[in-house]
PDB file of N, CA and C in Angstrom:
ATOM      1  N   MET A   1       0.856  -1.193   0.019  1.00  0.00           N
ATOM      2  CA  MET A   1      -0.023   0.001   0.009  1.00  0.00           C
ATOM      3  C   MET A   1       0.888   1.232  -0.015  1.00  0.00           C
ATOM      4  N   ASN A   2       0.600   2.204  -0.880  1.00  0.00           N
ATOM      5  CA  ASN A   2       1.352   3.421  -0.936  1.00  0.00           C
ATOM      6  C   ASN A   2       0.421   4.600  -0.684  1.00  0.00           C
ATOM      7  N   ILE A   3       0.970   5.779  -0.665  1.00  0.00           N
ATOM      8  CA  ILE A   3       0.156   6.969  -0.339  1.00  0.00           C
ATOM      9  C   ILE A   3      -0.953   7.182  -1.334  1.00  0.00           C
ATOM     10  N   ALA A   4      -0.781   6.725  -2.574  1.00  0.00           N
ATOM     11  CA  ALA A   4      -1.867   6.844  -3.569  1.00  0.00           C
ATOM     12  C   ALA A   4      -3.106   6.130  -3.142  1.00  0.00           C
ATOM     13  N   SER A   5      -2.965   5.086  -2.466  1.00  0.00           N
ATOM     14  CA  SER A   5      -4.149   4.258  -1.987  1.00  0.00           C
ATOM     15  C   SER A   5      -5.003   5.088  -0.972  1.00  0.00           C
ATOM     16  N   TYR A   6      -4.283   5.856  -0.163  1.00  0.00           N
ATOM     17  CA  TYR A   6      -4.957   6.707   0.794  1.00  0.00           C
ATOM     18  C   TYR A   6      -5.778   7.832   0.128  1.00  0.00           C
ATOM     19  N   ILE A   7      -5.115   8.363  -0.889  1.00  0.00           N
ATOM     20  CA  ILE A   7      -5.832   9.438  -1.755  1.00  0.00           C
ATOM     21  C   ILE A   7      -7.054   8.763  -2.437  1.00  0.00           C
ATOM     22  N   GLU A   8      -6.867   7.595  -2.987  1.00  0.00           N
ATOM     23  CA  GLU A   8      -7.973   6.903  -3.599  1.00  0.00           C
ATOM     24  C   GLU A   8      -9.136   6.666  -2.768  1.00  0.00           C
ATOM     25  N   ARG A   9      -8.835   6.299  -1.500  1.00  0.00           N
ATOM     26  CA  ARG A   9      -9.946   6.083  -0.559  1.00  0.00           C
ATOM     27  C   ARG A   9     -10.707   7.354  -0.283  1.00  0.00           C
ATOM     28  N   THR A  10      -9.947   8.492  -0.153  1.00  0.00           N
ATOM     29  CA  THR A  10     -10.615   9.790   0.015  1.00  0.00           C
ATOM     30  C   THR A  10     -11.428  10.178  -1.158  1.00  0.00           C
ATOM     31  N   VAL A  11     -10.924   9.847  -2.344  1.00  0.00           N
ATOM     32  CA  VAL A  11     -11.761  10.130  -3.538  1.00  0.00           C
ATOM     33  C   VAL A  11     -13.081   9.385  -3.571  1.00  0.00           C
ATOM     34  N   ARG A  12     -12.967   8.100  -3.130  1.00  0.00           N
ATOM     35  CA  ARG A  12     -14.185   7.338  -3.047  1.00  0.00           C
ATOM     36  C   ARG A  12     -15.217   7.837  -1.996  1.00  0.00           C
ATOM     37  N   GLN A  13     -14.667   8.296  -0.805  1.00  0.00           N
ATOM     38  CA  GLN A  13     -15.562   8.750   0.248  1.00  0.00           C
ATOM     39  C   GLN A  13     -16.088  10.164   0.051  1.00  0.00           C
ATOM     40  N   PHE A  14     -15.246  10.995  -0.538  1.00  0.00           N
ATOM     41  CA  PHE A  14     -15.621  12.429  -0.648  1.00  0.00           C
ATOM     42  C   PHE A  14     -15.399  12.963  -2.137  1.00  0.00           C
ATOM     43  N   PRO A  15     -15.956  12.334  -3.129  1.00  0.00           N
ATOM     44  CA  PRO A  15     -15.642  12.821  -4.505  1.00  0.00           C
ATOM     45  C   PRO A  15     -15.935  14.234  -4.835  1.00  0.00           C
ATOM     46  N   ASP A  16     -16.936  14.744  -4.226  1.00  0.00           N
ATOM     47  CA  ASP A  16     -17.415  16.118  -4.490  1.00  0.00           C
ATOM     48  C   ASP A  16     -16.892  17.175  -3.606  1.00  0.00           C
ATOM     49  N   GLN A  17     -16.067  16.771  -2.586  1.00  0.00           N
ATOM     50  CA  GLN A  17     -15.450  17.727  -1.724  1.00  0.00           C
ATOM     51  C   GLN A  17     -14.246  18.397  -2.393  1.00  0.00           C
ATOM     52  N   ILE A  18     -13.979  19.618  -1.956  1.00  0.00           N
ATOM     53  CA  ILE A  18     -12.860  20.358  -2.504  1.00  0.00           C
ATOM     54  C   ILE A  18     -11.561  19.793  -2.091  1.00  0.00           C
ATOM     55  N   ALA A  19     -10.743  19.359  -3.019  1.00  0.00           N
ATOM     56  CA  ALA A  19      -9.377  18.894  -2.743  1.00  0.00           C
ATOM     57  C   ALA A  19      -8.294  19.906  -2.834  1.00  0.00           C
ATOM     58  N   LEU A  20      -8.436  20.836  -3.795  1.00  0.00           N
ATOM     59  CA  LEU A  20      -7.456  21.897  -4.048  1.00  0.00           C
ATOM     60  C   LEU A  20      -8.158  23.181  -4.259  1.00  0.00           C
ATOM     61  N   ARG A  21      -7.620  24.155  -3.729  1.00  0.00           N
ATOM     62  CA  ARG A  21      -8.115  25.481  -3.847  1.00  0.00           C
ATOM     63  C   ARG A  21      -6.941  26.482  -3.964  1.00  0.00           C
ATOM     64  N   ILE A  22      -6.868  27.247  -5.044  1.00  0.00           N
ATOM     65  CA  ILE A  22      -5.932  28.267  -5.234  1.00  0.00           C
ATOM     66  C   ILE A  22      -6.691  29.565  -5.651  1.00  0.00           C
ATOM     67  N   ASN A  23      -6.712  30.606  -4.859  1.00  0.00           N
ATOM     68  CA  ASN A  23      -7.535  31.689  -5.046  1.00  0.00           C
ATOM     69  C   ASN A  23      -8.919  31.284  -5.278  1.00  0.00           C
ATOM     70  N   GLU A  24      -9.489  31.612  -6.378  1.00  0.00           N
ATOM     71  CA  GLU A  24     -10.881  31.301  -6.705  1.00  0.00           C
ATOM     72  C   GLU A  24     -11.032  29.900  -7.489  1.00  0.00           C
ATOM     73  N   ASN A  25      -9.840  29.343  -7.842  1.00  0.00           N
ATOM     74  CA  ASN A  25      -9.889  28.048  -8.557  1.00  0.00           C
ATOM     75  C   ASN A  25      -9.964  26.924  -7.616  1.00  0.00           C
ATOM     76  N   GLU A  26     -10.878  26.010  -7.896  1.00  0.00           N
ATOM     77  CA  GLU A  26     -11.067  24.826  -6.997  1.00  0.00           C
ATOM     78  C   GLU A  26     -11.112  23.562  -7.897  1.00  0.00           C
ATOM     79  N   ALA A  27     -10.758  22.497  -7.232  1.00  0.00           N
ATOM     80  CA  ALA A  27     -10.904  21.134  -7.897  1.00  0.00           C
ATOM     81  C   ALA A  27     -11.335  20.166  -6.792  1.00  0.00           C
ATOM     82  N   THR A  28     -12.395  19.358  -7.179  1.00  0.00           N
ATOM     83  CA  THR A  28     -12.821  18.334  -6.183  1.00  0.00           C
ATOM     84  C   THR A  28     -11.879  17.128  -6.207  1.00  0.00           C
ATOM     85  N   TYR A  29     -12.068  16.259  -5.254  1.00  0.00           N
ATOM     86  CA  TYR A  29     -11.257  15.060  -5.214  1.00  0.00           C
ATOM     87  C   TYR A  29     -11.394  14.214  -6.504  1.00  0.00           C
ATOM     88  N   SER A  30     -12.649  14.233  -7.037  1.00  0.00           N
ATOM     89  CA  SER A  30     -12.877  13.488  -8.328  1.00  0.00           C
ATOM     90  C   SER A  30     -12.072  14.167  -9.382  1.00  0.00           C
ATOM     91  N   GLU A  31     -12.166  15.441  -9.495  1.00  0.00           N
ATOM     92  CA  GLU A  31     -11.389  16.133 -10.551  1.00  0.00           C
ATOM     93  C   GLU A  31      -9.947  15.958 -10.475  1.00  0.00           C
ATOM     94  N   PHE A  32      -9.408  16.051  -9.162  1.00  0.00           N
ATOM     95  CA  PHE A  32      -7.951  15.873  -8.886  1.00  0.00           C
ATOM     96  C   PHE A  32      -7.589  14.435  -9.281  1.00  0.00           C
ATOM     97  N   ASN A  33      -8.345  13.543  -8.892  1.00  0.00           N
ATOM     98  CA  ASN A  33      -7.997  12.065  -9.301  1.00  0.00           C
ATOM     99  C   ASN A  33      -8.082  11.875 -10.804  1.00  0.00           C
ATOM    100  N   ASP A  34      -9.032  12.505 -11.497  1.00  0.00           N
ATOM    101  CA  ASP A  34      -9.071  12.328 -12.977  1.00  0.00           C
ATOM    102  C   ASP A  34      -7.846  12.958 -13.633  1.00  0.00           C
ATOM    103  N   ARG A  35      -7.466  14.029 -13.210  1.00  0.00           N
ATOM    104  CA  ARG A  35      -6.304  14.652 -13.840  1.00  0.00           C
ATOM    105  C   ARG A  35      -5.060  13.919 -13.517  1.00  0.00           C
ATOM    106  N   ALA A  36      -4.892  13.451 -12.303  1.00  0.00           N
ATOM    107  CA  ALA A  36      -3.724  12.627 -11.943  1.00  0.00           C
ATOM    108  C   ALA A  36      -3.651  11.316 -12.716  1.00  0.00           C
ATOM    109  N   ARG A  37      -4.795  10.722 -12.880  1.00  0.00           N
ATOM    110  CA  ARG A  37      -4.794   9.388 -13.604  1.00  0.00           C
ATOM    111  C   ARG A  37      -4.595   9.686 -15.089  1.00  0.00           C
ATOM    112  N   SER A  38      -5.020  10.724 -15.656  1.00  0.00           N
ATOM    113  CA  SER A  38      -4.707  11.051 -16.954  1.00  0.00           C
ATOM    114  C   SER A  38      -3.105  11.288 -17.211  1.00  0.00           C
ATOM    115  N   LEU A  39      -2.524  12.099 -16.305  1.00  0.00           N
ATOM    116  CA  LEU A  39      -1.085  12.232 -16.378  1.00  0.00           C
ATOM    117  C   LEU A  39      -0.372  10.877 -16.082  1.00  0.00           C
ATOM    118  N   ALA A  40      -0.842  10.051 -15.229  1.00  0.00           N
ATOM    119  CA  ALA A  40      -0.272   8.712 -15.011  1.00  0.00           C
ATOM    120  C   ALA A  40      -0.270   7.891 -16.199  1.00  0.00           C
ATOM    121  N   GLN A  41      -1.398   7.862 -16.925  1.00  0.00           N
ATOM    122  CA  GLN A  41      -1.500   7.093 -18.162  1.00  0.00           C
ATOM    123  C   GLN A  41      -0.442   7.704 -19.208  1.00  0.00           C
ATOM    124  N   PHE A  42      -0.308   8.918 -19.319  1.00  0.00           N
ATOM    125  CA  PHE A  42       0.666   9.490 -20.198  1.00  0.00           C
ATOM    126  C   PHE A  42       2.060   9.107 -19.789  1.00  0.00           C
ATOM    127  N   LEU A  43       2.455   9.250 -18.541  1.00  0.00           N
ATOM    128  CA  LEU A  43       3.761   8.823 -18.070  1.00  0.00           C
ATOM    129  C   LEU A  43       4.041   7.433 -18.340  1.00  0.00           C
ATOM    130  N   ASP A  44       2.986   6.558 -17.997  1.00  0.00           N
ATOM    131  CA  ASP A  44       3.079   5.171 -18.286  1.00  0.00           C
ATOM    132  C   ASP A  44       3.326   4.873 -19.749  1.00  0.00           C
ATOM    133  N   SER A  45       2.696   5.579 -20.714  1.00  0.00           N
ATOM    134  CA  SER A  45       2.845   5.407 -22.063  1.00  0.00           C
ATOM    135  C   SER A  45       4.244   5.822 -22.586  1.00  0.00           C
ATOM    136  N   GLN A  46       4.914   6.752 -21.711  1.00  0.00           N
ATOM    137  CA  GLN A  46       6.249   7.253 -22.063  1.00  0.00           C
ATOM    138  C   GLN A  46       7.303   6.337 -21.414  1.00  0.00           C
ATOM    139  N   GLY A  47       6.886   5.344 -20.612  1.00  0.00           N
ATOM    140  CA  GLY A  47       7.850   4.414 -20.093  1.00  0.00           C
ATOM    141  C   GLY A  47       8.168   4.496 -18.629  1.00  0.00           C
ATOM    142  N   LEU A  48       7.531   5.319 -17.850  1.00  0.00           N
ATOM    143  CA  LEU A  48       7.756   5.529 -16.422  1.00  0.00           C
ATOM    144  C   LEU A  48       7.352   4.214 -15.758  1.00  0.00           C
ATOM    145  N   LYS A  49       8.283   3.645 -15.009  1.00  0.00           N
ATOM    146  CA  LYS A  49       7.994   2.306 -14.294  1.00  0.00           C
ATOM    147  C   LYS A  49       8.075   2.392 -12.855  1.00  0.00           C
ATOM    148  N   LYS A  50       7.577   1.490 -12.200  1.00  0.00           N
ATOM    149  CA  LYS A  50       7.547   1.402 -10.713  1.00  0.00           C
ATOM    150  C   LYS A  50       9.034   1.578 -10.232  1.00  0.00           C
ATOM    151  N   GLY A  51       9.276   2.381  -9.349  1.00  0.00           N
ATOM    152  CA  GLY A  51      10.647   2.567  -8.703  1.00  0.00           C
ATOM    153  C   GLY A  51      11.393   3.702  -9.475  1.00  0.00           C
ATOM    154  N   ASP A  52      10.906   4.176 -10.690  1.00  0.00           N
ATOM    155  CA  ASP A  52      11.656   5.240 -11.340  1.00  0.00           C
ATOM    156  C   ASP A  52      11.489   6.456 -10.583  1.00  0.00           C
ATOM    157  N   LYS A  53      12.574   7.297 -10.548  1.00  0.00           N
ATOM    158  CA  LYS A  53      12.558   8.586  -9.881  1.00  0.00           C
ATOM    159  C   LYS A  53      12.259   9.670 -10.908  1.00  0.00           C
ATOM    160  N   LEU A  54      11.167  10.483 -10.592  1.00  0.00           N
ATOM    161  CA  LEU A  54      10.777  11.542 -11.436  1.00  0.00           C
ATOM    162  C   LEU A  54      10.867  12.833 -10.511  1.00  0.00           C
ATOM    163  N   GLY A  55      11.702  13.782 -11.108  1.00  0.00           N
ATOM    164  CA  GLY A  55      11.880  15.084 -10.559  1.00  0.00           C
ATOM    165  C   GLY A  55      10.681  16.061 -10.892  1.00  0.00           C
ATOM    166  N   ILE A  56      10.234  16.739  -9.895  1.00  0.00           N
ATOM    167  CA  ILE A  56       9.138  17.701 -10.034  1.00  0.00           C
ATOM    168  C   ILE A  56       9.702  19.108  -9.828  1.00  0.00           C
ATOM    169  N   PHE A  57       9.878  19.862 -10.971  1.00  0.00           N
ATOM    170  CA  PHE A  57      10.429  21.206 -10.834  1.00  0.00           C
ATOM    171  C   PHE A  57       9.346  22.216 -11.278  1.00  0.00           C
ATOM    172  N   MET A  58       8.572  22.685 -10.290  1.00  0.00           N
ATOM    173  CA  MET A  58       7.598  23.658 -10.618  1.00  0.00           C
ATOM    174  C   MET A  58       7.231  24.381  -9.297  1.00  0.00           C
ATOM    175  N   PRO A  59       6.621  25.651  -9.426  1.00  0.00           N
ATOM    176  CA  PRO A  59       6.270  26.392  -8.175  1.00  0.00           C
ATOM    177  C   PRO A  59       5.074  25.665  -7.585  1.00  0.00           C
ATOM    178  N   ASN A  60       4.626  26.279  -6.467  1.00  0.00           N
ATOM    179  CA  ASN A  60       3.487  25.667  -5.697  1.00  0.00           C
ATOM    180  C   ASN A  60       2.161  25.957  -6.427  1.00  0.00           C
ATOM    181  N   ILE A  61       1.789  25.088  -7.346  1.00  0.00           N
ATOM    182  CA  ILE A  61       0.587  25.193  -8.088  1.00  0.00           C
ATOM    183  C   ILE A  61      -0.092  23.810  -8.048  1.00  0.00           C
ATOM    184  N   PRO A  62      -1.400  23.656  -8.388  1.00  0.00           N
ATOM    185  CA  PRO A  62      -2.053  22.451  -8.334  1.00  0.00           C
ATOM    186  C   PRO A  62      -1.401  21.310  -9.150  1.00  0.00           C
ATOM    187  N   ASP A  63      -0.809  21.683 -10.253  1.00  0.00           N
ATOM    188  CA  ASP A  63      -0.176  20.747 -11.135  1.00  0.00           C
ATOM    189  C   ASP A  63       0.966  20.033 -10.336  1.00  0.00           C
ATOM    190  N   TYR A  64       1.643  20.656  -9.374  1.00  0.00           N
ATOM    191  CA  TYR A  64       2.665  20.029  -8.643  1.00  0.00           C
ATOM    192  C   TYR A  64       2.180  18.828  -7.889  1.00  0.00           C
ATOM    193  N   LEU A  65       1.000  18.955  -7.142  1.00  0.00           N
ATOM    194  CA  LEU A  65       0.340  17.890  -6.513  1.00  0.00           C
ATOM    195  C   LEU A  65      -0.222  16.817  -7.403  1.00  0.00           C
ATOM    196  N   ILE A  66      -0.805  17.291  -8.554  1.00  0.00           N
ATOM    197  CA  ILE A  66      -1.269  16.287  -9.513  1.00  0.00           C
ATOM    198  C   ILE A  66      -0.144  15.394 -10.059  1.00  0.00           C
ATOM    199  N   THR A  67       1.045  16.042 -10.296  1.00  0.00           N
ATOM    200  CA  THR A  67       2.125  15.248 -10.787  1.00  0.00           C
ATOM    201  C   THR A  67       2.615  14.282  -9.742  1.00  0.00           C
ATOM    202  N   MET A  68       2.701  14.732  -8.502  1.00  0.00           N
ATOM    203  CA  MET A  68       3.179  13.841  -7.412  1.00  0.00           C
ATOM    204  C   MET A  68       2.266  12.700  -7.307  1.00  0.00           C
ATOM    205  N   TYR A  69       0.926  12.843  -7.290  1.00  0.00           N
ATOM    206  CA  TYR A  69      -0.018  11.815  -7.151  1.00  0.00           C
ATOM    207  C   TYR A  69       0.083  10.786  -8.354  1.00  0.00           C
ATOM    208  N   ALA A  70       0.281  11.368  -9.565  1.00  0.00           N
ATOM    209  CA  ALA A  70       0.399  10.604 -10.724  1.00  0.00           C
ATOM    210  C   ALA A  70       1.601   9.580 -10.630  1.00  0.00           C
ATOM    211  N   VAL A  71       2.671  10.095 -10.129  1.00  0.00           N
ATOM    212  CA  VAL A  71       3.862   9.265  -9.927  1.00  0.00           C
ATOM    213  C   VAL A  71       3.642   8.252  -8.986  1.00  0.00           C
ATOM    214  N   TRP A  72       2.983   8.551  -7.803  1.00  0.00           N
ATOM    215  CA  TRP A  72       2.603   7.568  -6.787  1.00  0.00           C
ATOM    216  C   TRP A  72       1.684   6.486  -7.314  1.00  0.00           C
ATOM    217  N   ILE A  73       0.741   6.834  -8.206  1.00  0.00           N
ATOM    218  CA  ILE A  73      -0.215   5.903  -8.741  1.00  0.00           C
ATOM    219  C   ILE A  73       0.603   4.816  -9.499  1.00  0.00           C
ATOM    220  N   LEU A  74       1.682   5.157 -10.203  1.00  0.00           N
ATOM    221  CA  LEU A  74       2.504   4.228 -10.946  1.00  0.00           C
ATOM    222  C   LEU A  74       3.511   3.501 -10.120  1.00  0.00           C
ATOM    223  N   GLY A  75       3.638   3.868  -8.809  1.00  0.00           N
ATOM    224  CA  GLY A  75       4.617   3.234  -8.015  1.00  0.00           C
ATOM    225  C   GLY A  75       6.013   3.906  -8.162  1.00  0.00           C
ATOM    226  N   GLY A  76       6.018   5.092  -8.748  1.00  0.00           N
ATOM    227  CA  GLY A  76       7.289   5.818  -8.879  1.00  0.00           C
ATOM    228  C   GLY A  76       7.670   6.578  -7.651  1.00  0.00           C
ATOM    229  N   ILE A  77       8.801   7.213  -7.696  1.00  0.00           N
ATOM    230  CA  ILE A  77       9.282   8.002  -6.618  1.00  0.00           C
ATOM    231  C   ILE A  77       9.342   9.468  -7.113  1.00  0.00           C
ATOM    232  N   ALA A  78       8.546  10.275  -6.408  1.00  0.00           N
ATOM    233  CA  ALA A  78       8.519  11.678  -6.764  1.00  0.00           C
ATOM    234  C   ALA A  78       9.623  12.435  -6.031  1.00  0.00           C
ATOM    235  N   VAL A  79      10.394  13.205  -6.747  1.00  0.00           N
ATOM    236  CA  VAL A  79      11.622  13.886  -6.157  1.00  0.00           C
ATOM    237  C   VAL A  79      11.310  15.390  -6.305  1.00  0.00           C
ATOM    238  N   PRO A  80      10.781  16.030  -5.299  1.00  0.00           N
ATOM    239  CA  PRO A  80      10.506  17.467  -5.304  1.00  0.00           C
ATOM    240  C   PRO A  80      11.857  18.188  -5.439  1.00  0.00           C
ATOM    241  N   ILE A  81      11.853  19.201  -6.402  1.00  0.00           N
ATOM    242  CA  ILE A  81      13.038  20.033  -6.648  1.00  0.00           C
ATOM    243  C   ILE A  81      12.700  21.522  -6.288  1.00  0.00           C
ATOM    244  N   ASN A  82      13.453  22.130  -5.382  1.00  0.00           N
ATOM    245  CA  ASN A  82      13.120  23.524  -5.060  1.00  0.00           C
ATOM    246  C   ASN A  82      13.140  24.371  -6.244  1.00  0.00           C
ATOM    247  N   TYR A  83      12.040  25.068  -6.495  1.00  0.00           N
ATOM    248  CA  TYR A  83      11.797  25.932  -7.655  1.00  0.00           C
ATOM    249  C   TYR A  83      12.732  27.154  -7.675  1.00  0.00           C
ATOM    250  N   ARG A  84      13.296  27.494  -6.540  1.00  0.00           N
ATOM    251  CA  ARG A  84      14.164  28.630  -6.461  1.00  0.00           C
ATOM    252  C   ARG A  84      15.650  28.276  -6.720  1.00  0.00           C
ATOM    253  N   PHE A  85      15.910  27.125  -6.898  1.00  0.00           N
ATOM    254  CA  PHE A  85      17.353  26.669  -7.172  1.00  0.00           C
ATOM    255  C   PHE A  85      17.841  27.272  -8.529  1.00  0.00           C
ATOM    256  N   GLN A  86      19.085  27.606  -8.428  1.00  0.00           N
ATOM    257  CA  GLN A  86      19.791  28.160  -9.646  1.00  0.00           C
ATOM    258  C   GLN A  86      20.395  27.029 -10.428  1.00  0.00           C
ATOM    259  N   ASN A  87      21.064  27.295 -11.542  1.00  0.00           N
ATOM    260  CA  ASN A  87      21.493  26.237 -12.457  1.00  0.00           C
ATOM    261  C   ASN A  87      22.538  25.274 -11.731  1.00  0.00           C
ATOM    262  N   GLU A  88      23.437  25.771 -10.920  1.00  0.00           N
ATOM    263  CA  GLU A  88      24.421  24.961 -10.312  1.00  0.00           C
ATOM    264  C   GLU A  88      23.711  24.048  -9.339  1.00  0.00           C
ATOM    265  N   GLU A  89      22.752  24.515  -8.589  1.00  0.00           N
ATOM    266  CA  GLU A  89      22.016  23.611  -7.634  1.00  0.00           C
ATOM    267  C   GLU A  89      21.177  22.655  -8.384  1.00  0.00           C
ATOM    268  N   LEU A  90      20.576  23.077  -9.414  1.00  0.00           N
ATOM    269  CA  LEU A  90      19.788  22.143 -10.204  1.00  0.00           C
ATOM    270  C   LEU A  90      20.614  20.992 -10.809  1.00  0.00           C
ATOM    271  N   THR A  91      21.742  21.424 -11.378  1.00  0.00           N
ATOM    272  CA  THR A  91      22.664  20.300 -11.870  1.00  0.00           C
ATOM    273  C   THR A  91      23.048  19.331 -10.828  1.00  0.00           C
ATOM    274  N   PHE A  92      23.334  19.800  -9.652  1.00  0.00           N
ATOM    275  CA  PHE A  92      23.717  18.951  -8.472  1.00  0.00           C
ATOM    276  C   PHE A  92      22.594  17.963  -8.199  1.00  0.00           C
ATOM    277  N   VAL A  93      21.371  18.527  -8.093  1.00  0.00           N
ATOM    278  CA  VAL A  93      20.191  17.661  -7.738  1.00  0.00           C
ATOM    279  C   VAL A  93      19.982  16.599  -8.865  1.00  0.00           C
ATOM    280  N   PHE A  94      20.025  17.039 -10.136  1.00  0.00           N
ATOM    281  CA  PHE A  94      19.839  16.184 -11.205  1.00  0.00           C
ATOM    282  C   PHE A  94      20.840  14.980 -11.164  1.00  0.00           C
ATOM    283  N   GLU A  95      22.091  15.292 -10.889  1.00  0.00           N
ATOM    284  CA  GLU A  95      23.134  14.335 -10.886  1.00  0.00           C
ATOM    285  C   GLU A  95      23.072  13.401  -9.618  1.00  0.00           C
ATOM    286  N   ASP A  96      22.783  14.059  -8.474  1.00  0.00           N
ATOM    287  CA  ASP A  96      22.864  13.360  -7.153  1.00  0.00           C
ATOM    288  C   ASP A  96      21.587  12.458  -6.878  1.00  0.00           C
ATOM    289  N   SER A  97      20.466  12.944  -7.400  1.00  0.00           N
ATOM    290  CA  SER A  97      19.192  12.277  -6.987  1.00  0.00           C
ATOM    291  C   SER A  97      18.973  10.943  -7.819  1.00  0.00           C
ATOM    292  N   GLY A  98      19.507  10.822  -8.912  1.00  0.00           N
ATOM    293  CA  GLY A  98      19.325   9.609  -9.763  1.00  0.00           C
ATOM    294  C   GLY A  98      17.983   9.711 -10.539  1.00  0.00           C
ATOM    295  N   ILE A  99      17.456  10.933 -10.652  1.00  0.00           N
ATOM    296  CA  ILE A  99      16.175  10.991 -11.466  1.00  0.00           C
ATOM    297  C   ILE A  99      16.319  10.655 -12.898  1.00  0.00           C
ATOM    298  N   LYS A 100      15.295   9.964 -13.412  1.00  0.00           N
ATOM    299  CA  LYS A 100      15.324   9.552 -14.803  1.00  0.00           C
ATOM    300  C   LYS A 100      14.396  10.431 -15.614  1.00  0.00           C
ATOM    301  N   TRP A 101      13.483  11.059 -14.937  1.00  0.00           N
ATOM    302  CA  TRP A 101      12.461  11.858 -15.471  1.00  0.00           C
ATOM    303  C   TRP A 101      12.385  13.183 -14.811  1.00  0.00           C
ATOM    304  N   ILE A 102      11.809  14.146 -15.499  1.00  0.00           N
ATOM    305  CA  ILE A 102      11.522  15.474 -14.872  1.00  0.00           C
ATOM    306  C   ILE A 102      10.283  16.004 -15.493  1.00  0.00           C
ATOM    307  N   VAL A 103       9.454  16.621 -14.640  1.00  0.00           N
ATOM    308  CA  VAL A 103       8.225  17.369 -15.110  1.00  0.00           C
ATOM    309  C   VAL A 103       8.516  18.789 -14.657  1.00  0.00           C
ATOM    310  N   ALA A 104       8.290  19.678 -15.622  1.00  0.00           N
ATOM    311  CA  ALA A 104       8.496  21.133 -15.413  1.00  0.00           C
ATOM    312  C   ALA A 104       7.565  21.860 -16.314  1.00  0.00           C
ATOM    313  N   LEU A 105       7.342  23.173 -16.012  1.00  0.00           N
ATOM    314  CA  LEU A 105       6.527  23.947 -16.894  1.00  0.00           C
ATOM    315  C   LEU A 105       7.253  24.317 -18.194  1.00  0.00           C
ATOM    316  N   SER A 106       6.519  24.515 -19.228  1.00  0.00           N
ATOM    317  CA  SER A 106       7.072  24.675 -20.485  1.00  0.00           C
ATOM    318  C   SER A 106       8.023  25.952 -20.527  1.00  0.00           C
ATOM    319  N   ASN A 107       7.708  26.949 -19.767  1.00  0.00           N
ATOM    320  CA  ASN A 107       8.480  28.203 -19.658  1.00  0.00           C
ATOM    321  C   ASN A 107       9.855  27.916 -18.924  1.00  0.00           C
ATOM    322  N   ASP A 108      10.069  26.778 -18.336  1.00  0.00           N
ATOM    323  CA  ASP A 108      11.248  26.385 -17.630  1.00  0.00           C
ATOM    324  C   ASP A 108      12.121  25.417 -18.393  1.00  0.00           C
ATOM    325  N   TYR A 109      11.687  25.070 -19.695  1.00  0.00           N
ATOM    326  CA  TYR A 109      12.350  24.127 -20.475  1.00  0.00           C
ATOM    327  C   TYR A 109      13.828  24.448 -20.599  1.00  0.00           C
ATOM    328  N   GLU A 110      14.225  25.587 -21.069  1.00  0.00           N
ATOM    329  CA  GLU A 110      15.633  25.960 -21.250  1.00  0.00           C
ATOM    330  C   GLU A 110      16.384  25.881 -19.973  1.00  0.00           C
ATOM    331  N   ARG A 111      15.858  26.281 -18.861  1.00  0.00           N
ATOM    332  CA  ARG A 111      16.482  26.271 -17.633  1.00  0.00           C
ATOM    333  C   ARG A 111      16.861  24.872 -17.182  1.00  0.00           C
ATOM    334  N   VAL A 112      15.894  23.991 -17.368  1.00  0.00           N
ATOM    335  CA  VAL A 112      16.024  22.576 -17.018  1.00  0.00           C
ATOM    336  C   VAL A 112      17.050  21.883 -18.012  1.00  0.00           C
ATOM    337  N   LYS A 113      16.912  22.204 -19.322  1.00  0.00           N
ATOM    338  CA  LYS A 113      17.807  21.655 -20.252  1.00  0.00           C
ATOM    339  C   LYS A 113      19.182  22.043 -20.017  1.00  0.00           C
ATOM    340  N   ASN A 114      19.558  23.369 -19.664  1.00  0.00           N
ATOM    341  CA  ASN A 114      20.891  23.809 -19.381  1.00  0.00           C
ATOM    342  C   ASN A 114      21.434  23.136 -18.139  1.00  0.00           C
ATOM    343  N   ALA A 115      20.631  22.995 -17.134  1.00  0.00           N
ATOM    344  CA  ALA A 115      21.102  22.415 -15.867  1.00  0.00           C
ATOM    345  C   ALA A 115      21.380  20.961 -16.055  1.00  0.00           C
ATOM    346  N   GLY A 116      20.653  20.264 -16.972  1.00  0.00           N
ATOM    347  CA  GLY A 116      20.811  18.821 -17.127  1.00  0.00           C
ATOM    348  C   GLY A 116      21.673  18.450 -18.277  1.00  0.00           C
ATOM    349  N   LYS A 117      22.428  19.339 -18.810  1.00  0.00           N
ATOM    350  CA  LYS A 117      23.290  19.062 -19.969  1.00  0.00           C
ATOM    351  C   LYS A 117      24.214  17.866 -19.826  1.00  0.00           C
ATOM    352  N   SER A 118      24.732  17.679 -18.609  1.00  0.00           N
ATOM    353  CA  SER A 118      25.662  16.593 -18.352  1.00  0.00           C
ATOM    354  C   SER A 118      24.924  15.258 -18.205  1.00  0.00           C
ATOM    355  N   LEU A 119      23.588  15.201 -18.259  1.00  0.00           N
ATOM    356  CA  LEU A 119      22.865  13.951 -18.105  1.00  0.00           C
ATOM    357  C   LEU A 119      22.230  13.579 -19.473  1.00  0.00           C
ATOM    358  N   SER A 120      22.671  12.417 -19.949  1.00  0.00           N
ATOM    359  CA  SER A 120      22.219  12.009 -21.220  1.00  0.00           C
ATOM    360  C   SER A 120      20.784  11.453 -21.191  1.00  0.00           C
ATOM    361  N   GLU A 121      20.404  10.860 -20.018  1.00  0.00           N
ATOM    362  CA  GLU A 121      19.092  10.243 -20.023  1.00  0.00           C
ATOM    363  C   GLU A 121      17.949  11.231 -19.759  1.00  0.00           C
ATOM    364  N   LEU A 122      18.224  12.355 -19.151  1.00  0.00           N
ATOM    365  CA  LEU A 122      17.180  13.309 -18.756  1.00  0.00           C
ATOM    366  C   LEU A 122      16.480  13.840 -19.895  1.00  0.00           C
TER     367      LEU A 122
END
């Protein structure tokens, strides 16, 4: 049993309750679950396997939690990466953590690419 199973139980018990709220934007547990499962299916189709480490490099937004839950659904290991890290710190985390995957916002693509230049698999 992993943490995803606890979230799944909450989804079954309280599907219409608010799970996430940022300012005036809200998502119910059911919506949260649907988005995470959709992302999990995509990550699975791309080859993410149980035990793989996936770095999450984004600010505190709902997509951060959705990504984390999606990784847990697949039995992966979510590796949170501080969004305030600079290139040198990012490079260290990429090399030291053993991540094989990273999820970031599209506007951070160049930043992540530059920090991960030494990693062929990323």
